[in-house]
Amino acid sequence: MTSKKAESNKKKRNKQEFPCLKEIDKLTTQLEAKRGSTIIPLLFTKSISRPLVSEIYDFLFNVKKLEKCEKLEIILHSGGGDIDAAYHLGKMLRSFASKQFNVIVPRFAKSAGTLLACAGDVIVMERPSELGSLEPLIEMSTGEEFSPLSIDELIEFLDNIEKRLGGSSRILEIIANRLPIMQIGDCLKSIKYAEPLLRELLMNGMFKNDTFKEKKVDRICRRLIYEYPLKGHGYVIDMYEAKKIGLKIENPPRDQWEIIWRIFRIFEKEFLL
């Protein structure tokens, strides 16, 4: 079987197994007509990863036969994932648009999903939409996750223990022996890792023609990477907050938003709930 036939059969199989995909395709076509764009729903049930980049490229190149279009838009739903994969995916998707690349977020794009959203020239949001911080969560050898931004608090905590209990106490020694020092070193480096990726996407996309782009990008990077994580990993950056920090946010007309929301709700009911 040729690759073309295999892809066609796979698409037919998916629509037979999940009839809701036909409805999503139909609604996407309606939305394309209203927005004058090519629209790709990227509604993820799993983390953004490097293999996922390959899947999306294969879909665009072999199934959609997309070379270049003036205006490309994605409907994005993501809880996050590999930050490098999200960065690469953002750049790759943008390369398919000759004039404009937009990201539509019906419900949420968190962590690495936020980085991907920031690859857009604008982010389309409404009341239920939310972005998140770019705080990397590190998985330890124990299987537990923690934020690198909590390391300063940990050091302060250990310092206070030493001052209170004195050098004769073995509590500090016991705690220190349980800490994976090499992993903590990697965590400290990861705090700043996302910044150049976010900066590059914003400078060459959303703010490429902005006279004050450096100042605006500095502010957004500071808020998304260093300030919001202190409020908690799940902190909600809604459309009002996103506008406040300087991201270019579009509120779609009601007739367009109704279609966007219907697409998401079909996906949510079938695959998430």
C-alpha atoms as a PDB file:
ATOM      1  CA  MET A   1       0.000   0.000   0.000  1.00  0.00           C
ATOM      2  CA  THR A   2       1.366   3.420  -0.936  1.00  0.00           C
ATOM      3  CA  SER A   3       1.920   6.069   1.702  1.00  0.00           C
ATOM      4  CA  LYS A   4      -0.831   8.204   0.162  1.00  0.00           C
ATOM      5  CA  LYS A   5      -3.376   5.359   0.349  1.00  0.00           C
ATOM      6  CA  ALA A   6      -2.295   4.485   3.877  1.00  0.00           C
ATOM      7  CA  GLU A   7      -2.859   8.067   5.047  1.00  0.00           C
ATOM      8  CA  SER A   8      -6.249   8.177   3.291  1.00  0.00           C
ATOM      9  CA  ASN A   9      -7.342   4.899   4.881  1.00  0.00           C
ATOM     10  CA  LYS A  10      -6.134   6.029   8.302  1.00  0.00           C
ATOM     11  CA  LYS A  11      -8.169   9.235   7.981  1.00  0.00           C
ATOM     12  CA  LYS A  12     -11.268   7.261   6.955  1.00  0.00           C
ATOM     13  CA  ARG A  13     -10.770   4.863   9.868  1.00  0.00           C
ATOM     14  CA  ASN A  14     -10.485   7.723  12.349  1.00  0.00           C
ATOM     15  CA  LYS A  15     -13.715   9.279  11.133  1.00  0.00           C
ATOM     16  CA  GLN A  16     -15.523   5.932  11.329  1.00  0.00           C
ATOM     17  CA  GLU A  17     -14.259   5.306  14.867  1.00  0.00           C
ATOM     18  CA  PHE A  18     -14.818   8.905  15.967  1.00  0.00           C
ATOM     19  CA  PRO A  19     -17.790  10.411  14.074  1.00  0.00           C
ATOM     20  CA  CYS A  20     -17.212  13.651  15.991  1.00  0.00           C
ATOM     21  CA  LEU A  21     -14.152  14.279  13.791  1.00  0.00           C
ATOM     22  CA  LYS A  22     -16.454  14.768  10.801  1.00  0.00           C
ATOM     23  CA  GLU A  23     -18.347  17.427  12.720  1.00  0.00           C
ATOM     24  CA  ILE A  24     -15.091  19.129  13.755  1.00  0.00           C
ATOM     25  CA  ASP A  25     -13.944  19.117  10.089  1.00  0.00           C
ATOM     26  CA  LYS A  26     -17.265  20.646   9.018  1.00  0.00           C
ATOM     27  CA  LEU A  27     -17.106  23.379  11.647  1.00  0.00           C
ATOM     28  CA  THR A  28     -13.453  24.093  10.826  1.00  0.00           C
ATOM     29  CA  THR A  29     -14.382  24.629   7.171  1.00  0.00           C
ATOM     30  CA  GLN A  30     -17.087  27.098   8.242  1.00  0.00           C
ATOM     31  CA  LEU A  31     -14.613  28.939  10.442  1.00  0.00           C
ATOM     32  CA  GLU A  32     -12.050  29.100   7.630  1.00  0.00           C
ATOM     33  CA  ALA A  33     -14.629  30.813   5.405  1.00  0.00           C
ATOM     34  CA  LYS A  34     -15.400  33.394   8.094  1.00  0.00           C
ATOM     35  CA  ARG A  35     -11.762  34.121   9.014  1.00  0.00           C
ATOM     36  CA  GLY A  36     -10.277  33.843   5.518  1.00  0.00           C
ATOM     37  CA  SER A  37      -7.590  31.431   6.689  1.00  0.00           C
ATOM     38  CA  THR A  38      -6.388  27.851   6.682  1.00  0.00           C
ATOM     39  CA  ILE A  39      -7.166  26.397  10.111  1.00  0.00           C
ATOM     40  CA  ILE A  40      -5.638  23.317  11.739  1.00  0.00           C
ATOM     41  CA  PRO A  41      -7.114  22.051  15.035  1.00  0.00           C
ATOM     42  CA  LEU A  42      -4.291  20.926  17.345  1.00  0.00           C
ATOM     43  CA  LEU A  43      -6.306  19.640  20.291  1.00  0.00           C
ATOM     44  CA  PHE A  44      -3.870  17.542  22.278  1.00  0.00           C
ATOM     45  CA  THR A  45      -4.754  14.771  24.700  1.00  0.00           C
ATOM     46  CA  LYS A  46      -1.056  14.056  25.301  1.00  0.00           C
ATOM     47  CA  SER A  47       2.040  16.129  25.968  1.00  0.00           C
ATOM     48  CA  ILE A  48       3.828  18.064  23.242  1.00  0.00           C
ATOM     49  CA  SER A  49       6.806  15.930  22.219  1.00  0.00           C
ATOM     50  CA  ARG A  50       9.355  15.558  19.439  1.00  0.00           C
ATOM     51  CA  PRO A  51       7.460  12.622  17.817  1.00  0.00           C
ATOM     52  CA  LEU A  52       4.350  14.813  17.821  1.00  0.00           C
ATOM     53  CA  VAL A  53       6.227  17.406  15.741  1.00  0.00           C
ATOM     54  CA  SER A  54       6.822  14.689  13.131  1.00  0.00           C
ATOM     55  CA  GLU A  55       3.141  13.703  13.159  1.00  0.00           C
ATOM     56  CA  ILE A  56       1.986  17.276  12.624  1.00  0.00           C
ATOM     57  CA  TYR A  57       4.491  17.910   9.845  1.00  0.00           C
ATOM     58  CA  ASP A  58       3.428  14.685   8.115  1.00  0.00           C
ATOM     59  CA  PHE A  59      -0.217  15.777   8.339  1.00  0.00           C
ATOM     60  CA  LEU A  60       0.471  19.240   6.914  1.00  0.00           C
ATOM     61  CA  PHE A  61       2.812  18.039   4.178  1.00  0.00           C
ATOM     62  CA  ASN A  62       1.251  14.745   3.053  1.00  0.00           C
ATOM     63  CA  VAL A  63      -2.420  14.974   4.043  1.00  0.00           C
ATOM     64  CA  LYS A  64      -3.179  18.690   3.723  1.00  0.00           C
ATOM     65  CA  LYS A  65      -0.584  19.092   0.915  1.00  0.00           C
ATOM     66  CA  LEU A  66       0.292  22.449   2.438  1.00  0.00           C
ATOM     67  CA  GLU A  67       3.282  24.319   1.059  1.00  0.00           C
ATOM     68  CA  LYS A  68       2.476  27.938   1.920  1.00  0.00           C
ATOM     69  CA  CYS A  69      -0.691  29.808   2.725  1.00  0.00           C
ATOM     70  CA  GLU A  70      -1.183  33.501   3.407  1.00  0.00           C
ATOM     71  CA  LYS A  71      -2.872  33.054   6.767  1.00  0.00           C
ATOM     72  CA  LEU A  72      -2.451  29.919   8.862  1.00  0.00           C
ATOM     73  CA  GLU A  73      -4.235  29.482  12.172  1.00  0.00           C
ATOM     74  CA  ILE A  74      -4.248  26.657  14.693  1.00  0.00           C
ATOM     75  CA  ILE A  75      -6.849  25.891  17.331  1.00  0.00           C
ATOM     76  CA  LEU A  76      -4.660  24.914  20.272  1.00  0.00           C
ATOM     77  CA  HIS A  77      -5.452  22.980  23.419  1.00  0.00           C
ATOM     78  CA  SER A  78      -2.457  21.765  25.411  1.00  0.00           C
ATOM     79  CA  GLY A  79      -1.413  21.086  28.994  1.00  0.00           C
ATOM     80  CA  GLY A  80       2.260  21.438  28.041  1.00  0.00           C
ATOM     81  CA  GLY A  81       5.149  19.087  27.374  1.00  0.00           C
ATOM     82  CA  ASP A  82       8.664  19.290  25.957  1.00  0.00           C
ATOM     83  CA  ILE A  83       9.648  22.952  25.703  1.00  0.00           C
ATOM     84  CA  ASP A  84      12.132  22.303  22.857  1.00  0.00           C
ATOM     85  CA  ALA A  85       9.469  20.464  20.865  1.00  0.00           C
ATOM     86  CA  ALA A  86       6.993  23.321  21.425  1.00  0.00           C
ATOM     87  CA  TYR A  87       9.582  25.867  20.264  1.00  0.00           C
ATOM     88  CA  HIS A  88      10.375  23.828  17.137  1.00  0.00           C
ATOM     89  CA  LEU A  89       6.670  23.283  16.422  1.00  0.00           C
ATOM     90  CA  GLY A  90       5.974  27.012  16.713  1.00  0.00           C
ATOM     91  CA  LYS A  91       8.737  27.886  14.254  1.00  0.00           C
ATOM     92  CA  MET A  92       7.692  25.116  11.874  1.00  0.00           C
ATOM     93  CA  LEU A  93       4.029  26.131  11.818  1.00  0.00           C
ATOM     94  CA  ARG A  94       4.966  29.771  11.280  1.00  0.00           C
ATOM     95  CA  SER A  95       7.045  28.760   8.242  1.00  0.00           C
ATOM     96  CA  PHE A  96       3.875  27.555   6.493  1.00  0.00           C
ATOM     97  CA  ALA A  97       2.319  31.053   6.670  1.00  0.00           C
ATOM     98  CA  SER A  98       3.534  33.648   4.182  1.00  0.00           C
ATOM     99  CA  LYS A  99       1.775  36.594   5.880  1.00  0.00           C
ATOM    100  CA  GLN A 100       0.216  35.685   9.215  1.00  0.00           C
ATOM    101  CA  PHE A 101       0.224  32.864  11.757  1.00  0.00           C
ATOM    102  CA  ASN A 102      -2.328  33.008  14.571  1.00  0.00           C
ATOM    103  CA  VAL A 103      -3.041  30.759  17.552  1.00  0.00           C
ATOM    104  CA  ILE A 104      -6.621  30.279  18.755  1.00  0.00           C
ATOM    105  CA  VAL A 105      -6.936  29.143  22.380  1.00  0.00           C
ATOM    106  CA  PRO A 106     -10.527  28.134  23.225  1.00  0.00           C
ATOM    107  CA  ARG A 107      -9.784  26.787  26.710  1.00  0.00           C
ATOM    108  CA  PHE A 108      -6.118  26.545  27.709  1.00  0.00           C
ATOM    109  CA  ALA A 109      -2.528  26.351  26.489  1.00  0.00           C
ATOM    110  CA  LYS A 110      -0.291  25.843  29.519  1.00  0.00           C
ATOM    111  CA  SER A 111       3.473  25.701  30.098  1.00  0.00           C
ATOM    112  CA  ALA A 112       5.055  24.548  26.786  1.00  0.00           C
ATOM    113  CA  GLY A 113       1.607  25.180  25.246  1.00  0.00           C
ATOM    114  CA  THR A 114       1.978  28.842  26.230  1.00  0.00           C
ATOM    115  CA  LEU A 115       5.354  28.950  24.483  1.00  0.00           C
ATOM    116  CA  LEU A 116       3.726  27.541  21.338  1.00  0.00           C
ATOM    117  CA  ALA A 117       0.912  30.103  21.571  1.00  0.00           C
ATOM    118  CA  CYS A 118       3.513  32.890  21.758  1.00  0.00           C
ATOM    119  CA  ALA A 119       4.778  31.864  18.319  1.00  0.00           C
ATOM    120  CA  GLY A 120       1.622  33.433  16.858  1.00  0.00           C
ATOM    121  CA  ASP A 121       1.314  36.945  15.461  1.00  0.00           C
ATOM    122  CA  VAL A 122      -1.764  37.191  17.669  1.00  0.00           C
ATOM    123  CA  ILE A 123      -3.376  34.889  20.206  1.00  0.00           C
ATOM    124  CA  VAL A 124      -7.144  34.583  19.868  1.00  0.00           C
ATOM    125  CA  MET A 125      -8.802  34.312  23.290  1.00  0.00           C
ATOM    126  CA  GLU A 126     -12.156  34.739  24.996  1.00  0.00           C
ATOM    127  CA  ARG A 127     -13.453  34.544  28.561  1.00  0.00           C
ATOM    128  CA  PRO A 128     -12.746  30.822  29.191  1.00  0.00           C
ATOM    129  CA  SER A 129      -9.313  30.915  27.534  1.00  0.00           C
ATOM    130  CA  GLU A 130      -6.173  30.757  29.625  1.00  0.00           C
ATOM    131  CA  LEU A 131      -2.416  30.681  29.263  1.00  0.00           C
ATOM    132  CA  GLY A 132       0.115  29.739  31.938  1.00  0.00           C
ATOM    133  CA  SER A 133       3.607  30.404  33.176  1.00  0.00           C
ATOM    134  CA  LEU A 134       6.678  28.945  31.486  1.00  0.00           C
ATOM    135  CA  GLU A 135       7.912  27.452  34.714  1.00  0.00           C
ATOM    136  CA  PRO A 136       9.575  24.091  33.984  1.00  0.00           C
ATOM    137  CA  LEU A 137       8.515  21.260  36.276  1.00  0.00           C
ATOM    138  CA  ILE A 138      11.400  18.887  36.952  1.00  0.00           C
ATOM    139  CA  GLU A 139      10.765  15.183  37.525  1.00  0.00           C
ATOM    140  CA  MET A 140      13.116  13.791  40.158  1.00  0.00           C
ATOM    141  CA  SER A 141      14.424  10.225  40.355  1.00  0.00           C
ATOM    142  CA  THR A 142      11.745   9.619  43.012  1.00  0.00           C
ATOM    143  CA  GLY A 143       9.003  10.394  40.462  1.00  0.00           C
ATOM    144  CA  GLU A 144       8.070  13.620  42.225  1.00  0.00           C
ATOM    145  CA  GLU A 145       7.945  16.946  40.385  1.00  0.00           C
ATOM    146  CA  PHE A 146       9.020  20.347  41.621  1.00  0.00           C
ATOM    147  CA  SER A 147       9.709  23.827  40.325  1.00  0.00           C
ATOM    148  CA  PRO A 148      13.302  25.093  40.069  1.00  0.00           C
ATOM    149  CA  LEU A 149      12.031  28.392  41.480  1.00  0.00           C
ATOM    150  CA  SER A 150      11.460  26.630  44.798  1.00  0.00           C
ATOM    151  CA  ILE A 151      15.195  25.933  45.204  1.00  0.00           C
ATOM    152  CA  ASP A 152      15.861  29.356  46.796  1.00  0.00           C
ATOM    153  CA  GLU A 153      13.156  28.645  49.351  1.00  0.00           C
ATOM    154  CA  LEU A 154      14.685  25.225  50.005  1.00  0.00           C
ATOM    155  CA  ILE A 155      18.131  26.739  50.590  1.00  0.00           C
ATOM    156  CA  GLU A 156      16.629  29.326  52.959  1.00  0.00           C
ATOM    157  CA  PHE A 157      14.774  26.563  54.794  1.00  0.00           C
ATOM    158  CA  LEU A 158      17.957  24.496  55.253  1.00  0.00           C
ATOM    159  CA  ASP A 159      19.866  27.576  56.384  1.00  0.00           C
ATOM    160  CA  ASN A 160      17.208  28.299  59.045  1.00  0.00           C
ATOM    161  CA  ILE A 161      17.369  24.702  60.279  1.00  0.00           C
ATOM    162  CA  GLU A 162      21.121  24.943  60.689  1.00  0.00           C
ATOM    163  CA  LYS A 163      20.828  28.209  62.619  1.00  0.00           C
ATOM    164  CA  ARG A 164      18.098  26.892  64.898  1.00  0.00           C
ATOM    165  CA  LEU A 165      19.528  23.444  65.636  1.00  0.00           C
ATOM    166  CA  GLY A 166      23.239  24.180  65.466  1.00  0.00           C
ATOM    167  CA  GLY A 167      26.038  22.195  63.907  1.00  0.00           C
ATOM    168  CA  SER A 168      25.549  19.202  66.250  1.00  0.00           C
ATOM    169  CA  SER A 169      22.193  18.235  64.705  1.00  0.00           C
ATOM    170  CA  ARG A 170      22.148  15.435  62.099  1.00  0.00           C
ATOM    171  CA  ILE A 171      18.824  16.594  60.586  1.00  0.00           C
ATOM    172  CA  LEU A 172      20.577  18.806  58.026  1.00  0.00           C
ATOM    173  CA  GLU A 173      22.906  15.964  57.047  1.00  0.00           C
ATOM    174  CA  ILE A 174      19.989  13.550  56.590  1.00  0.00           C
ATOM    175  CA  ILE A 175      18.053  16.013  54.403  1.00  0.00           C
ATOM    176  CA  ALA A 176      21.132  16.855  52.318  1.00  0.00           C
ATOM    177  CA  ASN A 177      21.831  13.148  51.686  1.00  0.00           C
ATOM    178  CA  ARG A 178      18.360  12.749  50.218  1.00  0.00           C
ATOM    179  CA  LEU A 179      18.739  15.642  47.779  1.00  0.00           C
ATOM    180  CA  PRO A 180      19.950  14.739  44.263  1.00  0.00           C
ATOM    181  CA  ILE A 181      22.600  17.481  43.991  1.00  0.00           C
ATOM    182  CA  MET A 182      23.373  16.981  40.270  1.00  0.00           C
ATOM    183  CA  GLN A 183      19.685  17.206  39.376  1.00  0.00           C
ATOM    184  CA  ILE A 184      19.347  20.383  41.426  1.00  0.00           C
ATOM    185  CA  GLY A 185      22.212  21.910  39.418  1.00  0.00           C
ATOM    186  CA  ASP A 186      20.378  21.068  36.193  1.00  0.00           C
ATOM    187  CA  CYS A 187      17.202  22.560  37.652  1.00  0.00           C
ATOM    188  CA  LEU A 188      18.927  25.858  38.392  1.00  0.00           C
ATOM    189  CA  LYS A 189      20.047  26.077  34.758  1.00  0.00           C
ATOM    190  CA  SER A 190      16.540  25.229  33.511  1.00  0.00           C
ATOM    191  CA  ILE A 191      15.065  28.348  35.133  1.00  0.00           C
ATOM    192  CA  LYS A 192      16.646  30.507  32.436  1.00  0.00           C
ATOM    193  CA  TYR A 193      16.390  27.941  29.646  1.00  0.00           C
ATOM    194  CA  ALA A 194      12.962  29.007  28.380  1.00  0.00           C
ATOM    195  CA  GLU A 195      13.816  32.716  28.169  1.00  0.00           C
ATOM    196  CA  PRO A 196      15.814  32.797  24.885  1.00  0.00           C
ATOM    197  CA  LEU A 197      13.235  30.496  23.237  1.00  0.00           C
ATOM    198  CA  LEU A 198      10.316  32.718  24.228  1.00  0.00           C
ATOM    199  CA  ARG A 199      12.263  35.845  23.348  1.00  0.00           C
ATOM    200  CA  GLU A 200      13.133  34.593  19.851  1.00  0.00           C
ATOM    201  CA  LEU A 201       9.532  33.586  19.072  1.00  0.00           C
ATOM    202  CA  LEU A 202       8.147  36.939  20.228  1.00  0.00           C
ATOM    203  CA  MET A 203      10.832  39.074  18.553  1.00  0.00           C
ATOM    204  CA  ASN A 204      10.446  37.335  15.176  1.00  0.00           C
ATOM    205  CA  GLY A 205       6.699  36.873  15.321  1.00  0.00           C
ATOM    206  CA  MET A 206       4.267  38.894  17.411  1.00  0.00           C
ATOM    207  CA  PHE A 207       6.547  41.940  17.764  1.00  0.00           C
ATOM    208  CA  LYS A 208       8.659  41.727  14.599  1.00  0.00           C
ATOM    209  CA  ASN A 209       7.419  45.095  13.336  1.00  0.00           C
ATOM    210  CA  ASP A 210       7.094  46.808  16.706  1.00  0.00           C
ATOM    211  CA  THR A 211       9.324  49.832  17.369  1.00  0.00           C
ATOM    212  CA  PHE A 212       9.500  49.091  21.105  1.00  0.00           C
ATOM    213  CA  LYS A 213       9.713  45.317  20.775  1.00  0.00           C
ATOM    214  CA  GLU A 214      12.702  44.789  23.063  1.00  0.00           C
ATOM    215  CA  LYS A 215      11.061  46.541  26.009  1.00  0.00           C
ATOM    216  CA  LYS A 216       7.761  44.738  25.466  1.00  0.00           C
ATOM    217  CA  VAL A 217       9.388  41.324  25.061  1.00  0.00           C
ATOM    218  CA  ASP A 218      11.495  41.896  28.206  1.00  0.00           C
ATOM    219  CA  ARG A 219       8.334  42.557  30.212  1.00  0.00           C
ATOM    220  CA  ILE A 220       6.520  39.477  28.879  1.00  0.00           C
ATOM    221  CA  CYS A 221       9.518  37.202  29.505  1.00  0.00           C
ATOM    222  CA  ARG A 222       9.891  38.488  33.052  1.00  0.00           C
ATOM    223  CA  ARG A 223       6.231  37.930  33.843  1.00  0.00           C
ATOM    224  CA  LEU A 224       5.830  34.506  32.218  1.00  0.00           C
ATOM    225  CA  ILE A 225       9.122  32.978  33.366  1.00  0.00           C
ATOM    226  CA  TYR A 226       9.932  34.573  36.730  1.00  0.00           C
ATOM    227  CA  GLU A 227       6.898  36.279  38.256  1.00  0.00           C
ATOM    228  CA  TYR A 228       3.809  34.177  37.497  1.00  0.00           C
ATOM    229  CA  PRO A 229       5.391  30.880  38.660  1.00  0.00           C
ATOM    230  CA  LEU A 230       5.635  32.353  42.152  1.00  0.00           C
ATOM    231  CA  LYS A 231       1.827  32.478  42.188  1.00  0.00           C
ATOM    232  CA  GLY A 232       1.650  28.709  41.518  1.00  0.00           C
ATOM    233  CA  HIS A 233       2.082  26.455  38.491  1.00  0.00           C
ATOM    234  CA  GLY A 234      -1.644  26.452  37.712  1.00  0.00           C
ATOM    235  CA  TYR A 235      -2.030  30.246  37.852  1.00  0.00           C
ATOM    236  CA  VAL A 236      -4.608  31.421  35.307  1.00  0.00           C
ATOM    237  CA  ILE A 237      -3.542  34.019  32.758  1.00  0.00           C
ATOM    238  CA  ASP A 238      -6.869  34.903  31.173  1.00  0.00           C
ATOM    239  CA  MET A 239      -7.368  37.195  28.192  1.00  0.00           C
ATOM    240  CA  TYR A 240      -7.461  40.292  30.417  1.00  0.00           C
ATOM    241  CA  GLU A 241      -4.183  39.423  32.133  1.00  0.00           C
ATOM    242  CA  ALA A 242      -2.597  38.439  28.809  1.00  0.00           C
ATOM    243  CA  LYS A 243      -3.465  41.863  27.374  1.00  0.00           C
ATOM    244  CA  LYS A 244      -2.207  43.552  30.518  1.00  0.00           C
ATOM    245  CA  ILE A 245       1.307  42.106  30.186  1.00  0.00           C
ATOM    246  CA  GLY A 246       1.471  43.156  26.534  1.00  0.00           C
ATOM    247  CA  LEU A 247       0.656  40.062  24.491  1.00  0.00           C
ATOM    248  CA  LYS A 248      -1.294  40.779  21.295  1.00  0.00           C
ATOM    249  CA  ILE A 249      -4.717  39.311  22.012  1.00  0.00           C
ATOM    250  CA  GLU A 250      -7.652  39.208  19.605  1.00  0.00           C
ATOM    251  CA  ASN A 251     -11.246  38.755  20.740  1.00  0.00           C
ATOM    252  CA  PRO A 252     -13.104  37.152  17.813  1.00  0.00           C
ATOM    253  CA  PRO A 253     -16.589  38.241  16.683  1.00  0.00           C
ATOM    254  CA  ARG A 254     -19.385  36.318  18.371  1.00  0.00           C
ATOM    255  CA  ASP A 255     -20.308  34.250  15.290  1.00  0.00           C
ATOM    256  CA  GLN A 256     -16.703  33.046  14.959  1.00  0.00           C
ATOM    257  CA  TRP A 257     -16.326  32.362  18.666  1.00  0.00           C
ATOM    258  CA  GLU A 258     -19.490  30.236  18.670  1.00  0.00           C
ATOM    259  CA  ILE A 259     -17.883  27.919  16.100  1.00  0.00           C
ATOM    260  CA  ILE A 260     -14.550  27.834  17.933  1.00  0.00           C
ATOM    261  CA  TRP A 261     -16.292  26.966  21.188  1.00  0.00           C
ATOM    262  CA  ARG A 262     -18.407  24.250  19.548  1.00  0.00           C
ATOM    263  CA  ILE A 263     -15.261  22.648  18.113  1.00  0.00           C
ATOM    264  CA  PHE A 264     -13.633  22.611  21.528  1.00  0.00           C
ATOM    265  CA  ARG A 265     -16.698  21.309  23.364  1.00  0.00           C
ATOM    266  CA  ILE A 266     -17.065  18.412  20.918  1.00  0.00           C
ATOM    267  CA  PHE A 267     -13.405  17.546  21.493  1.00  0.00           C
ATOM    268  CA  GLU A 268     -13.737  17.948  25.270  1.00  0.00           C
ATOM    269  CA  LYS A 269     -16.821  15.760  25.586  1.00  0.00           C
ATOM    270  CA  GLU A 270     -15.458  13.008  23.340  1.00  0.00           C
ATOM    271  CA  PHE A 271     -11.833  12.859  24.458  1.00  0.00           C
ATOM    272  CA  LEU A 272     -11.402  14.592  27.826  1.00  0.00           C
ATOM    273  CA  LEU A 273     -14.508  14.045  29.960  1.00  0.00           C
END
